[in-house]
C-alpha atoms as a PDB file:
ATOM      1  CA  UNK A   1     119.339  91.356 104.031  1.00  0.00           C
ATOM      2  CA  UNK A   2     120.005  91.538 107.514  1.00  0.00           C
ATOM      3  CA  UNK A   3     121.949  94.685 109.190  1.00  0.00           C
ATOM      4  CA  UNK A   4     124.617  93.688 110.743  1.00  0.00           C
ATOM      5  CA  UNK A   5     125.316  94.665 114.646  1.00  0.00           C
ATOM      6  CA  UNK A   6     128.276  97.083 115.235  1.00  0.00           C
ATOM      7  CA  UNK A   7     129.944  96.737 118.448  1.00  0.00           C
ATOM      8  CA  UNK A   8     130.871 100.368 118.678  1.00  0.00           C
ATOM      9  CA  UNK A   9     127.300 100.688 118.718  1.00  0.00           C
ATOM     10  CA  UNK A  10     127.113  98.461 122.601  1.00  0.00           C
ATOM     11  CA  UNK A  11     127.515 101.916 124.883  1.00  0.00           C
ATOM     12  CA  UNK A  12     125.873 104.827 122.868  1.00  0.00           C
ATOM     13  CA  UNK A  13     123.728 107.184 124.851  1.00  0.00           C
ATOM     14  CA  UNK A  14     120.438 108.924 123.041  1.00  0.00           C
ATOM     15  CA  UNK A  15     118.742 111.776 123.575  1.00  0.00           C
ATOM     16  CA  UNK A  16     115.003 111.913 125.176  1.00  0.00           C
ATOM     17  CA  UNK A  17     113.912 115.579 125.963  1.00  0.00           C
ATOM     18  CA  UNK A  18     117.293 116.843 126.464  1.00  0.00           C
ATOM     19  CA  UNK A  19     118.532 113.863 129.063  1.00  0.00           C
ATOM     20  CA  UNK A  20     121.273 111.474 127.404  1.00  0.00           C
ATOM     21  CA  UNK A  21     121.076 108.403 128.492  1.00  0.00           C
ATOM     22  CA  UNK A  22     122.663 104.622 128.094  1.00  0.00           C
ATOM     23  CA  UNK A  23     121.159 102.736 125.394  1.00  0.00           C
ATOM     24  CA  UNK A  24     120.070 100.333 128.502  1.00  0.00           C
ATOM     25  CA  UNK A  25     118.095 102.633 129.899  1.00  0.00           C
ATOM     26  CA  UNK A  26     114.816 103.168 129.521  1.00  0.00           C
ATOM     27  CA  UNK A  27     113.615 106.883 129.129  1.00  0.00           C
ATOM     28  CA  UNK A  28     110.260 106.428 127.216  1.00  0.00           C
ATOM     29  CA  UNK A  29     107.424 107.326 129.097  1.00  0.00           C
ATOM     30  CA  UNK A  30     104.436 104.261 128.456  1.00  0.00           C
ATOM     31  CA  UNK A  31     102.046 106.876 128.287  1.00  0.00           C
ATOM     32  CA  UNK A  32     103.480 108.907 125.465  1.00  0.00           C
ATOM     33  CA  UNK A  33     101.497 109.060 122.281  1.00  0.00           C
ATOM     34  CA  UNK A  34     104.497 107.098 119.885  1.00  0.00           C
ATOM     35  CA  UNK A  35     104.238 103.866 122.386  1.00  0.00           C
ATOM     36  CA  UNK A  36     100.292 104.362 123.043  1.00  0.00           C
ATOM     37  CA  UNK A  37      99.918 104.106 119.049  1.00  0.00           C
ATOM     38  CA  UNK A  38     102.583 105.278 116.852  1.00  0.00           C
ATOM     39  CA  UNK A  39     101.922 108.888 116.843  1.00  0.00           C
ATOM     40  CA  UNK A  40     104.883 110.469 116.023  1.00  0.00           C
ATOM     41  CA  UNK A  41     106.873 111.693 112.756  1.00  0.00           C
ATOM     42  CA  UNK A  42     110.954 110.994 111.862  1.00  0.00           C
ATOM     43  CA  UNK A  43     113.590 111.117 109.554  1.00  0.00           C
ATOM     44  CA  UNK A  44     116.649 109.262 109.037  1.00  0.00           C
ATOM     45  CA  UNK A  45     119.940 111.588 108.623  1.00  0.00           C
ATOM     46  CA  UNK A  46     123.051 110.808 107.509  1.00  0.00           C
ATOM     47  CA  UNK A  47     126.723 112.254 108.981  1.00  0.00           C
ATOM     48  CA  UNK A  48     129.922 112.663 106.470  1.00  0.00           C
ATOM     49  CA  UNK A  49     133.152 113.867 107.691  1.00  0.00           C
ATOM     50  CA  UNK A  50     130.700 116.438 110.136  1.00  0.00           C
ATOM     51  CA  UNK A  51     128.147 117.492 108.347  1.00  0.00           C
ATOM     52  CA  UNK A  52     124.343 115.928 107.599  1.00  0.00           C
ATOM     53  CA  UNK A  53     123.345 115.679 103.968  1.00  0.00           C
ATOM     54  CA  UNK A  54     119.610 117.467 103.325  1.00  0.00           C
ATOM     55  CA  UNK A  55     119.564 118.551 106.715  1.00  0.00           C
ATOM     56  CA  UNK A  56     117.146 121.242 106.119  1.00  0.00           C
ATOM     57  CA  UNK A  57     115.082 119.351 103.565  1.00  0.00           C
ATOM     58  CA  UNK A  58     115.071 116.209 106.179  1.00  0.00           C
ATOM     59  CA  UNK A  59     113.601 119.206 109.136  1.00  0.00           C
ATOM     60  CA  UNK A  60     111.131 120.713 106.873  1.00  0.00           C
ATOM     61  CA  UNK A  61     109.781 117.017 106.303  1.00  0.00           C
ATOM     62  CA  UNK A  62     109.473 116.353 109.320  1.00  0.00           C
ATOM     63  CA  UNK A  63     107.721 120.084 110.491  1.00  0.00           C
ATOM     64  CA  UNK A  64     105.593 119.633 107.579  1.00  0.00           C
ATOM     65  CA  UNK A  65     104.523 115.999 109.088  1.00  0.00           C
ATOM     66  CA  UNK A  66     103.870 117.396 112.638  1.00  0.00           C
ATOM     67  CA  UNK A  67     102.123 120.286 111.223  1.00  0.00           C
ATOM     68  CA  UNK A  68      99.500 117.965 109.389  1.00  0.00           C
ATOM     69  CA  UNK A  69      98.517 116.008 112.349  1.00  0.00           C
ATOM     70  CA  UNK A  70      98.420 119.269 114.808  1.00  0.00           C
ATOM     71  CA  UNK A  71     101.484 118.533 117.256  1.00  0.00           C
ATOM     72  CA  UNK A  72     102.138 121.476 119.796  1.00  0.00           C
ATOM     73  CA  UNK A  73     104.805 123.269 121.068  1.00  0.00           C
ATOM     74  CA  UNK A  74     107.469 121.718 117.681  1.00  0.00           C
ATOM     75  CA  UNK A  75     110.787 122.372 118.285  1.00  0.00           C
ATOM     76  CA  UNK A  76     112.536 124.877 116.339  1.00  0.00           C
ATOM     77  CA  UNK A  77     115.383 123.804 113.311  1.00  0.00           C
ATOM     78  CA  UNK A  78     117.642 125.326 115.757  1.00  0.00           C
ATOM     79  CA  UNK A  79     116.689 123.610 118.581  1.00  0.00           C
ATOM     80  CA  UNK A  80     116.581 119.852 116.871  1.00  0.00           C
ATOM     81  CA  UNK A  81     120.412 120.795 115.319  1.00  0.00           C
ATOM     82  CA  UNK A  82     121.498 121.176 118.970  1.00  0.00           C
ATOM     83  CA  UNK A  83     119.619 118.190 120.339  1.00  0.00           C
ATOM     84  CA  UNK A  84     121.367 116.139 117.251  1.00  0.00           C
ATOM     85  CA  UNK A  85     124.793 117.781 117.641  1.00  0.00           C
ATOM     86  CA  UNK A  86     125.316 116.840 121.564  1.00  0.00           C
ATOM     87  CA  UNK A  87     124.366 113.997 120.795  1.00  0.00           C
ATOM     88  CA  UNK A  88     126.720 112.824 118.398  1.00  0.00           C
ATOM     89  CA  UNK A  89     129.114 114.718 120.564  1.00  0.00           C
ATOM     90  CA  UNK A  90     128.324 112.649 123.484  1.00  0.00           C
ATOM     91  CA  UNK A  91     129.148 109.810 121.320  1.00  0.00           C
ATOM     92  CA  UNK A  92     132.037 110.761 120.343  1.00  0.00           C
ATOM     93  CA  UNK A  93     130.542 110.469 116.693  1.00  0.00           C
ATOM     94  CA  UNK A  94     132.260 112.488 113.535  1.00  0.00           C
ATOM     95  CA  UNK A  95     131.479 110.288 110.224  1.00  0.00           C
ATOM     96  CA  UNK A  96     129.156 106.575 109.011  1.00  0.00           C
ATOM     97  CA  UNK A  97     127.110 107.413 111.164  1.00  0.00           C
ATOM     98  CA  UNK A  98     123.009 107.222 110.504  1.00  0.00           C
ATOM     99  CA  UNK A  99     120.472 109.372 112.688  1.00  0.00           C
ATOM    100  CA  UNK A 100     117.488 108.375 113.649  1.00  0.00           C
ATOM    101  CA  UNK A 101     115.138 111.341 114.734  1.00  0.00           C
ATOM    102  CA  UNK A 102     111.738 110.975 115.769  1.00  0.00           C
ATOM    103  CA  UNK A 103     109.306 113.880 117.408  1.00  0.00           C
ATOM    104  CA  UNK A 104     106.020 112.265 118.577  1.00  0.00           C
ATOM    105  CA  UNK A 105     102.608 113.771 119.869  1.00  0.00           C
ATOM    106  CA  UNK A 106     104.291 114.171 123.442  1.00  0.00           C
ATOM    107  CA  UNK A 107     102.982 112.057 126.821  1.00  0.00           C
ATOM    108  CA  UNK A 108      99.324 111.862 127.882  1.00  0.00           C
ATOM    109  CA  UNK A 109      97.621 112.124 130.928  1.00  0.00           C
ATOM    110  CA  UNK A 110      95.953 109.027 130.738  1.00  0.00           C
ATOM    111  CA  UNK A 111      95.841 106.639 128.411  1.00  0.00           C
ATOM    112  CA  UNK A 112      93.536 107.410 125.146  1.00  0.00           C
ATOM    113  CA  UNK A 113      93.552 108.232 121.131  1.00  0.00           C
ATOM    114  CA  UNK A 114      92.052 111.614 121.727  1.00  0.00           C
ATOM    115  CA  UNK A 115      94.820 113.797 121.048  1.00  0.00           C
ATOM    116  CA  UNK A 116      93.413 116.188 123.972  1.00  0.00           C
ATOM    117  CA  UNK A 117      94.756 113.954 126.455  1.00  0.00           C
ATOM    118  CA  UNK A 118      98.187 115.625 125.406  1.00  0.00           C
ATOM    119  CA  UNK A 119      99.181 118.447 127.524  1.00  0.00           C
ATOM    120  CA  UNK A 120     102.449 119.145 127.504  1.00  0.00           C
ATOM    121  CA  UNK A 121     104.452 119.290 123.883  1.00  0.00           C
ATOM    122  CA  UNK A 122     106.134 117.119 121.842  1.00  0.00           C
ATOM    123  CA  UNK A 123     108.848 114.384 123.090  1.00  0.00           C
ATOM    124  CA  UNK A 124     111.976 114.475 121.118  1.00  0.00           C
ATOM    125  CA  UNK A 125     114.195 111.362 120.601  1.00  0.00           C
ATOM    126  CA  UNK A 126     117.578 111.448 118.477  1.00  0.00           C
ATOM    127  CA  UNK A 127     119.036 107.786 118.534  1.00  0.00           C
ATOM    128  CA  UNK A 128     122.585 107.926 116.660  1.00  0.00           C
ATOM    129  CA  UNK A 129     124.457 104.317 115.597  1.00  0.00           C
ATOM    130  CA  UNK A 130     127.519 103.750 113.573  1.00  0.00           C
ATOM    131  CA  UNK A 131     126.061 102.728 110.318  1.00  0.00           C
ATOM    132  CA  UNK A 132     127.370 102.213 107.163  1.00  0.00           C
ATOM    133  CA  UNK A 133     124.779 102.028 104.129  1.00  0.00           C
ATOM    134  CA  UNK A 134     122.968  99.072 105.081  1.00  0.00           C
ATOM    135  CA  UNK A 135     122.750  97.280 101.850  1.00  0.00           C
ATOM    136  CA  UNK A 136     125.295  94.986  99.667  1.00  0.00           C
ATOM    137  CA  UNK A 137     127.116  96.423  96.724  1.00  0.00           C
ATOM    138  CA  UNK A 138     126.276  93.883  94.527  1.00  0.00           C
ATOM    139  CA  UNK A 139     122.780  93.969  94.029  1.00  0.00           C
ATOM    140  CA  UNK A 140     119.462  93.305  95.893  1.00  0.00           C
ATOM    141  CA  UNK A 141     116.498  90.681  95.449  1.00  0.00           C
ATOM    142  CA  UNK A 142     113.332  92.062  95.347  1.00  0.00           C
ATOM    143  CA  UNK A 143     110.135  90.123  95.756  1.00  0.00           C
ATOM    144  CA  UNK A 144     106.554  92.236  95.207  1.00  0.00           C
ATOM    145  CA  UNK A 145     104.811  91.889  97.886  1.00  0.00           C
ATOM    146  CA  UNK A 146     100.512  91.302  98.438  1.00  0.00           C
ATOM    147  CA  UNK A 147     100.332  94.196 100.444  1.00  0.00           C
ATOM    148  CA  UNK A 148      99.965  97.148  98.798  1.00  0.00           C
ATOM    149  CA  UNK A 149     100.822 101.244  99.562  1.00  0.00           C
ATOM    150  CA  UNK A 150      97.736 103.013 100.378  1.00  0.00           C
ATOM    151  CA  UNK A 151      96.847 106.544  98.820  1.00  0.00           C
ATOM    152  CA  UNK A 152      96.464 109.602 100.271  1.00  0.00           C
ATOM    153  CA  UNK A 153      92.421 108.422 101.084  1.00  0.00           C
ATOM    154  CA  UNK A 154      93.653 106.732 103.190  1.00  0.00           C
ATOM    155  CA  UNK A 155      96.752 107.899 105.502  1.00  0.00           C
ATOM    156  CA  UNK A 156      98.482 110.352 102.942  1.00  0.00           C
ATOM    157  CA  UNK A 157     101.813 109.639 102.516  1.00  0.00           C
ATOM    158  CA  UNK A 158     103.149 112.891 102.758  1.00  0.00           C
ATOM    159  CA  UNK A 159     103.501 112.580 106.604  1.00  0.00           C
ATOM    160  CA  UNK A 160     105.911 110.522 107.330  1.00  0.00           C
ATOM    161  CA  UNK A 161     104.871 108.861 110.350  1.00  0.00           C
ATOM    162  CA  UNK A 162     105.854 106.342 112.545  1.00  0.00           C
ATOM    163  CA  UNK A 163     103.450 104.063 111.913  1.00  0.00           C
ATOM    164  CA  UNK A 164     105.160 101.407 109.905  1.00  0.00           C
ATOM    165  CA  UNK A 165     103.414  98.000 110.035  1.00  0.00           C
ATOM    166  CA  UNK A 166     102.347  98.244 106.371  1.00  0.00           C
ATOM    167  CA  UNK A 167     106.335  98.317 105.552  1.00  0.00           C
ATOM    168  CA  UNK A 168     106.685  96.123 108.094  1.00  0.00           C
ATOM    169  CA  UNK A 169     104.335  93.440 106.593  1.00  0.00           C
ATOM    170  CA  UNK A 170     105.453  93.993 103.709  1.00  0.00           C
ATOM    171  CA  UNK A 171     109.314  93.425 104.886  1.00  0.00           C
ATOM    172  CA  UNK A 172     107.899  89.842 106.398  1.00  0.00           C
ATOM    173  CA  UNK A 173     107.179  88.749 102.972  1.00  0.00           C
ATOM    174  CA  UNK A 174     110.052  89.434 101.842  1.00  0.00           C
ATOM    175  CA  UNK A 175     112.303  87.784 104.173  1.00  0.00           C
ATOM    176  CA  UNK A 176     109.945  84.545 103.743  1.00  0.00           C
ATOM    177  CA  UNK A 177     110.826  84.319 100.419  1.00  0.00           C
ATOM    178  CA  UNK A 178     114.385  84.896 100.969  1.00  0.00           C
ATOM    179  CA  UNK A 179     114.612  87.860  98.909  1.00  0.00           C
ATOM    180  CA  UNK A 180     116.280  91.689 100.430  1.00  0.00           C
ATOM    181  CA  UNK A 181     112.987  93.680 100.174  1.00  0.00           C
ATOM    182  CA  UNK A 182     109.703  94.106  99.107  1.00  0.00           C
ATOM    183  CA  UNK A 183     108.548  95.867  96.162  1.00  0.00           C
ATOM    184  CA  UNK A 184     105.116  97.219  96.559  1.00  0.00           C
ATOM    185  CA  UNK A 185     102.347  98.518  94.499  1.00  0.00           C
ATOM    186  CA  UNK A 186      99.766 101.203  94.885  1.00  0.00           C
ATOM    187  CA  UNK A 187      96.630 100.488  94.851  1.00  0.00           C
ATOM    188  CA  UNK A 188      96.079 100.949  91.168  1.00  0.00           C
ATOM    189  CA  UNK A 189      98.669  98.189  90.330  1.00  0.00           C
ATOM    190  CA  UNK A 190     101.416 100.785  89.588  1.00  0.00           C
ATOM    191  CA  UNK A 191     104.865 100.389  91.884  1.00  0.00           C
ATOM    192  CA  UNK A 192     105.348 102.463  94.238  1.00  0.00           C
ATOM    193  CA  UNK A 193     108.271 101.940  96.184  1.00  0.00           C
ATOM    194  CA  UNK A 194     109.999  99.276  98.238  1.00  0.00           C
ATOM    195  CA  UNK A 195     109.045  98.260 102.112  1.00  0.00           C
ATOM    196  CA  UNK A 196     112.086 101.129 102.872  1.00  0.00           C
ATOM    197  CA  UNK A 197     113.459 102.798  99.551  1.00  0.00           C
ATOM    198  CA  UNK A 198     112.097 105.089  96.499  1.00  0.00           C
ATOM    199  CA  UNK A 199     112.493 103.052  92.802  1.00  0.00           C
ATOM    200  CA  UNK A 200     114.388 103.838  89.675  1.00  0.00           C
ATOM    201  CA  UNK A 201     114.353 101.880  86.469  1.00  0.00           C
ATOM    202  CA  UNK A 202     116.614 102.712  83.759  1.00  0.00           C
ATOM    203  CA  UNK A 203     115.773 102.330  80.094  1.00  0.00           C
ATOM    204  CA  UNK A 204     118.655 103.440  77.829  1.00  0.00           C
ATOM    205  CA  UNK A 205     120.500 105.753  79.297  1.00  0.00           C
ATOM    206  CA  UNK A 206     117.420 107.108  80.709  1.00  0.00           C
ATOM    207  CA  UNK A 207     115.892 107.242  84.528  1.00  0.00           C
ATOM    208  CA  UNK A 208     112.634 106.118  85.028  1.00  0.00           C
ATOM    209  CA  UNK A 209     110.878 106.453  88.696  1.00  0.00           C
ATOM    210  CA  UNK A 210     107.230 106.388  89.650  1.00  0.00           C
ATOM    211  CA  UNK A 211     105.220 109.761  90.769  1.00  0.00           C
ATOM    212  CA  UNK A 212     104.820 109.411  94.896  1.00  0.00           C
ATOM    213  CA  UNK A 213     101.514 108.889  94.843  1.00  0.00           C
ATOM    214  CA  UNK A 214     101.288 105.842  97.534  1.00  0.00           C
ATOM    215  CA  UNK A 215     104.811 106.761  99.348  1.00  0.00           C
ATOM    216  CA  UNK A 216     106.868 109.405 100.696  1.00  0.00           C
ATOM    217  CA  UNK A 217     108.580 112.265  98.925  1.00  0.00           C
ATOM    218  CA  UNK A 218     111.783 111.110  99.123  1.00  0.00           C
ATOM    219  CA  UNK A 219     115.377 113.407  99.812  1.00  0.00           C
ATOM    220  CA  UNK A 220     117.853 110.732  98.281  1.00  0.00           C
ATOM    221  CA  UNK A 221     115.228 110.544  95.409  1.00  0.00           C
ATOM    222  CA  UNK A 222     115.042 113.750  94.801  1.00  0.00           C
ATOM    223  CA  UNK A 223     118.476 114.387  94.768  1.00  0.00           C
ATOM    224  CA  UNK A 224     118.491 111.712  92.503  1.00  0.00           C
ATOM    225  CA  UNK A 225     116.563 113.832  90.156  1.00  0.00           C
ATOM    226  CA  UNK A 226     118.944 117.048  90.619  1.00  0.00           C
ATOM    227  CA  UNK A 227     121.468 114.954  89.649  1.00  0.00           C
ATOM    228  CA  UNK A 228     120.260 113.318  86.605  1.00  0.00           C
ATOM    229  CA  UNK A 229     119.407 117.197  85.189  1.00  0.00           C
ATOM    230  CA  UNK A 230     122.783 118.573  86.072  1.00  0.00           C
ATOM    231  CA  UNK A 231     124.495 115.554  84.653  1.00  0.00           C
ATOM    232  CA  UNK A 232     123.104 115.262  81.007  1.00  0.00           C
ATOM    233  CA  UNK A 233     120.934 112.260  82.399  1.00  0.00           C
ATOM    234  CA  UNK A 234     117.629 112.037  81.090  1.00  0.00           C
ATOM    235  CA  UNK A 235     114.853 111.590  84.317  1.00  0.00           C
ATOM    236  CA  UNK A 236     111.138 110.854  83.374  1.00  0.00           C
ATOM    237  CA  UNK A 237     108.780 110.396  86.752  1.00  0.00           C
ATOM    238  CA  UNK A 238     105.541 108.431  85.335  1.00  0.00           C
ATOM    239  CA  UNK A 239     103.466 105.301  86.358  1.00  0.00           C
ATOM    240  CA  UNK A 240     104.940 102.457  86.269  1.00  0.00           C
ATOM    241  CA  UNK A 241     103.925  98.655  85.667  1.00  0.00           C
ATOM    242  CA  UNK A 242     105.610  95.709  87.048  1.00  0.00           C
ATOM    243  CA  UNK A 243     106.858  94.641  83.846  1.00  0.00           C
ATOM    244  CA  UNK A 244     108.088  97.487  82.986  1.00  0.00           C
ATOM    245  CA  UNK A 245     110.656  96.996  86.014  1.00  0.00           C
ATOM    246  CA  UNK A 246     110.992  92.763  84.858  1.00  0.00           C
ATOM    247  CA  UNK A 247     112.341  94.584  81.558  1.00  0.00           C
ATOM    248  CA  UNK A 248     114.245  97.955  82.459  1.00  0.00           C
ATOM    249  CA  UNK A 249     117.623  97.508  81.613  1.00  0.00           C
ATOM    250  CA  UNK A 250     118.790  98.581  85.091  1.00  0.00           C
ATOM    251  CA  UNK A 251     117.025  99.249  88.450  1.00  0.00           C
ATOM    252  CA  UNK A 252     118.220 100.981  91.747  1.00  0.00           C
ATOM    253  CA  UNK A 253     116.950 101.702  94.795  1.00  0.00           C
ATOM    254  CA  UNK A 254     117.259 105.214  96.873  1.00  0.00           C
ATOM    255  CA  UNK A 255     117.489 106.370 100.279  1.00  0.00           C
ATOM    256  CA  UNK A 256     119.090 108.037 103.117  1.00  0.00           C
ATOM    257  CA  UNK A 257     120.078 104.804 105.210  1.00  0.00           C
ATOM    258  CA  UNK A 258     120.839 102.878 101.764  1.00  0.00           C
ATOM    259  CA  UNK A 259     122.099 105.723  99.593  1.00  0.00           C
ATOM    260  CA  UNK A 260     121.751 104.311  96.118  1.00  0.00           C
ATOM    261  CA  UNK A 261     121.769 100.568  95.512  1.00  0.00           C
ATOM    262  CA  UNK A 262     121.211  98.594  92.885  1.00  0.00           C
ATOM    263  CA  UNK A 263     118.236  95.497  92.160  1.00  0.00           C
ATOM    264  CA  UNK A 264     119.141  92.803  90.592  1.00  0.00           C
ATOM    265  CA  UNK A 265     116.425  90.430  90.709  1.00  0.00           C
ATOM    266  CA  UNK A 266     112.730  90.997  90.857  1.00  0.00           C
ATOM    267  CA  UNK A 267     110.060  87.795  91.537  1.00  0.00           C
ATOM    268  CA  UNK A 268     113.184  85.445  90.187  1.00  0.00           C
ATOM    269  CA  UNK A 269     113.362  87.803  87.307  1.00  0.00           C
ATOM    270  CA  UNK A 270     117.192  89.192  86.884  1.00  0.00           C
ATOM    271  CA  UNK A 271     117.308  92.544  85.738  1.00  0.00           C
ATOM    272  CA  UNK A 272     118.933  93.135  82.514  1.00  0.00           C
ATOM    273  CA  UNK A 273     122.631  91.708  83.014  1.00  0.00           C
ATOM    274  CA  UNK A 274     121.450  90.673  86.651  1.00  0.00           C
ATOM    275  CA  UNK A 275     124.640  92.885  87.902  1.00  0.00           C
ATOM    276  CA  UNK A 276     125.253  96.275  88.850  1.00  0.00           C
ATOM    277  CA  UNK A 277     124.877  98.541  85.848  1.00  0.00           C
ATOM    278  CA  UNK A 278     127.020 101.134  84.612  1.00  0.00           C
ATOM    279  CA  UNK A 279     123.804 103.974  84.891  1.00  0.00           C
ATOM    280  CA  UNK A 280     123.767 103.017  88.497  1.00  0.00           C
ATOM    281  CA  UNK A 281     127.432 103.247  89.135  1.00  0.00           C
ATOM    282  CA  UNK A 282     127.261 106.318  88.071  1.00  0.00           C
ATOM    283  CA  UNK A 283     124.481 108.126  89.767  1.00  0.00           C
ATOM    284  CA  UNK A 284     125.837 106.311  93.317  1.00  0.00           C
ATOM    285  CA  UNK A 285     129.180 107.599  92.425  1.00  0.00           C
ATOM    286  CA  UNK A 286     128.092 111.196  91.552  1.00  0.00           C
ATOM    287  CA  UNK A 287     125.663 110.646  94.765  1.00  0.00           C
ATOM    288  CA  UNK A 288     128.054 110.064  97.247  1.00  0.00           C
ATOM    289  CA  UNK A 289     130.546 112.565  96.049  1.00  0.00           C
ATOM    290  CA  UNK A 290     127.396 115.196  96.099  1.00  0.00           C
ATOM    291  CA  UNK A 291     126.186 114.359  99.810  1.00  0.00           C
ATOM    292  CA  UNK A 292     129.742 113.852 100.913  1.00  0.00           C
ATOM    293  CA  UNK A 293     130.838 117.739 100.378  1.00  0.00           C
ATOM    294  CA  UNK A 294     127.567 119.644 100.228  1.00  0.00           C
ATOM    295  CA  UNK A 295     126.306 118.639 103.679  1.00  0.00           C
ATOM    296  CA  UNK A 296     125.594 121.264 106.451  1.00  0.00           C
ATOM    297  CA  UNK A 297     128.143 121.336 109.491  1.00  0.00           C
ATOM    298  CA  UNK A 298     126.700 120.204 113.118  1.00  0.00           C
ATOM    299  CA  UNK A 299     130.143 119.721 114.887  1.00  0.00           C
END
């Protein structure tokens, strides 16, 4: 699975601390903490007809991550929303847009790891692109990666940070294997998530999803759990082994960038019938209807 370039993004403008720049114009200092050490936090947002679904929840997670890392002068929610709105308006965007919101520790006075070298507050970056959900609707193929998801004793996954090398290494293995994405295990050998999304197994009419011991608490994942509770779909959060994924009736993944996407093969084994299943289709419809109807207006 390789994302396709959208020609509409050829002349987009992105935001850095109040300045809008053409995509080809550099705007990040080589002294910025995100360049120096991946020292930043981020969120992915999706725009539906002028509304961003889960905006407050995403901003809350961004703020929690920034606080955990000790960032100074974190912008208010109103300032963050104003920056997103300005970026969308500058690009004439109203629908079918993915927004990457990045907040770094800021620019250092000289190169180095020490956060005391940051003396000017955060850097805010807003990148909005025309981008439909990125996964194929016919089903994804996953391969289990040798790269494990670390737990909170190594790097707490509740910090939604910009150091994505763990995921990138797993994705490289998936690419070599000809799979769409990588399934990743935690250090105990239980399923954590993919390199980019959370996972659900369908057993009978019920949903089963792993604990978020070694992965972030997904906004889309939480929405699916809430939609299940409100629509008579049993849902359980528990440890899940790889064998249970192989033998599930259906498997799907969740995330802002890809919404709800069926998984039809793991490690060469067809899941269920090897086709998109009815529970996955129902959840995808419920999610799409909910996301498009309940987002926060920003335009």
